[in-house]
């Protein structure tokens, strides 16, 4: 089993209201500069989120999540973005080796 941590918010918040694209691009560039494998993903697939992340919400909303195996990165995102829900889950799925593109559709 693998441990993953997430920052969850509405798709609109993560893709339009906050500079998440810039944050993830800067993090990607940093990882590339130190030869570290990417360990975070922006996931907009509602089935993946529903199957792995449990949260109480009476009204359906379209959620997206930044998922990472790095707990500190998710905690930093919570401080940076503020209006996200954070948590963790365990999965048999190794996202490092999984075709994550199938999770973004």
Protein backbone atom coordinates (compact mmCIF):
# COMPACT_ATOMS: atom_id res chain seq x y z
CA UNK A 1 0.00 0.00 0.00
CA UNK A 2 1.11 3.53 -0.76
CA UNK A 3 0.44 6.65 1.32
CA UNK A 4 -0.85 9.69 -0.52
CA UNK A 5 -1.77 13.14 0.70
CA UNK A 6 -4.13 15.55 -1.01
CA UNK A 7 -5.33 19.12 -1.22
CA UNK A 8 -8.93 19.11 -2.46
CA UNK A 9 -10.97 22.04 -3.78
CA UNK A 10 -13.40 22.85 -6.53
CA UNK A 11 -12.10 22.55 -10.08
CA UNK A 12 -12.83 26.25 -10.56
CA UNK A 13 -10.76 27.24 -7.53
CA UNK A 14 -7.75 25.12 -8.47
CA UNK A 15 -7.78 25.93 -12.18
CA UNK A 16 -9.00 29.53 -12.33
CA UNK A 17 -8.95 31.35 -9.00
CA UNK A 18 -5.48 30.38 -7.77
CA UNK A 19 -2.13 30.25 -9.59
CA UNK A 20 -1.90 26.47 -9.20
CA UNK A 21 -0.51 25.99 -12.70
CA UNK A 22 2.37 28.32 -11.86
CA UNK A 23 2.97 26.63 -8.49
CA UNK A 24 3.10 23.17 -10.08
CA UNK A 25 5.27 24.37 -12.97
CA UNK A 26 7.78 25.92 -10.52
CA UNK A 27 7.80 22.74 -8.45
CA UNK A 28 8.34 20.65 -11.60
CA UNK A 29 11.26 22.86 -12.64
CA UNK A 30 12.76 22.56 -9.16
CA UNK A 31 12.43 18.76 -9.19
CA UNK A 32 14.03 18.62 -12.64
CA UNK A 33 16.94 20.77 -11.44
CA UNK A 34 17.69 18.35 -8.59
CA UNK A 35 16.93 15.21 -10.65
CA UNK A 36 13.97 14.23 -8.46
CA UNK A 37 11.04 12.26 -9.85
CA UNK A 38 7.67 14.01 -9.90
CA UNK A 39 5.62 12.90 -6.90
CA UNK A 40 2.53 15.07 -7.31
CA UNK A 41 -0.42 15.15 -9.69
CA UNK A 42 -3.39 17.41 -10.38
CA UNK A 43 -6.32 15.04 -10.68
CA UNK A 44 -9.70 16.11 -12.03
CA UNK A 45 -11.18 12.64 -12.42
CA UNK A 46 -14.22 12.52 -10.15
CA UNK A 47 -14.26 8.70 -10.06
CA UNK A 48 -10.70 8.59 -8.76
CA UNK A 49 -11.50 11.21 -6.12
CA UNK A 50 -14.74 9.48 -5.06
CA UNK A 51 -12.99 6.12 -4.79
CA UNK A 52 -10.05 7.38 -2.74
CA UNK A 53 -11.08 10.53 -0.89
CA UNK A 54 -14.00 10.67 1.53
CA UNK A 55 -15.47 14.00 2.54
CA UNK A 56 -18.83 15.27 3.72
CA UNK A 57 -20.63 17.37 1.13
CA UNK A 58 -24.39 17.61 0.86
CA UNK A 59 -24.34 19.29 -2.54
CA UNK A 60 -22.38 17.75 -5.40
CA UNK A 61 -19.46 19.87 -6.54
CA UNK A 62 -16.88 19.26 -9.21
CA UNK A 63 -13.66 18.68 -7.31
CA UNK A 64 -10.05 18.46 -8.24
CA UNK A 65 -7.19 17.36 -6.05
CA UNK A 66 -3.48 17.79 -5.95
CA UNK A 67 -2.23 14.41 -4.80
CA UNK A 68 1.31 13.74 -3.64
CA UNK A 69 3.37 11.20 -1.78
CA UNK A 70 5.07 14.18 -0.07
CA UNK A 71 3.08 15.17 3.03
CA UNK A 72 5.14 18.35 3.54
CA UNK A 73 4.29 19.60 0.04
CA UNK A 74 0.55 19.20 0.69
CA UNK A 75 0.88 20.98 4.05
CA UNK A 76 2.71 23.81 2.29
CA UNK A 77 -0.09 23.98 -0.32
CA UNK A 78 -2.66 24.27 2.48
CA UNK A 79 -0.77 27.27 3.86
CA UNK A 80 -0.35 28.78 0.38
CA UNK A 81 -3.86 28.21 -0.98
CA UNK A 82 -5.81 28.32 2.33
CA UNK A 83 -9.22 27.33 0.90
CA UNK A 84 -8.48 23.64 0.34
CA UNK A 85 -9.33 20.52 2.31
CA UNK A 86 -6.34 18.34 3.07
CA UNK A 87 -6.14 14.72 4.04
CA UNK A 88 -4.56 11.41 3.23
CA UNK A 89 -5.43 7.98 1.90
CA UNK A 90 -3.77 4.65 1.26
CA UNK A 91 -3.95 2.94 -2.10
CA UNK A 92 -2.60 -0.14 -3.80
CA UNK A 93 -2.07 2.08 -6.85
CA UNK A 94 1.50 3.34 -7.32
CA UNK A 95 0.88 6.69 -9.00
CA UNK A 96 4.59 7.01 -9.80
CA UNK A 97 4.23 4.09 -12.21
CA UNK A 98 0.60 4.56 -13.22
CA UNK A 99 -0.44 6.41 -16.34
CA UNK A 100 -1.77 9.45 -14.50
CA UNK A 101 -3.15 10.91 -17.72
CA UNK A 102 -6.04 8.50 -17.31
CA UNK A 103 -6.89 10.25 -14.03
CA UNK A 104 -7.21 13.73 -15.45
CA UNK A 105 -10.05 13.16 -17.87
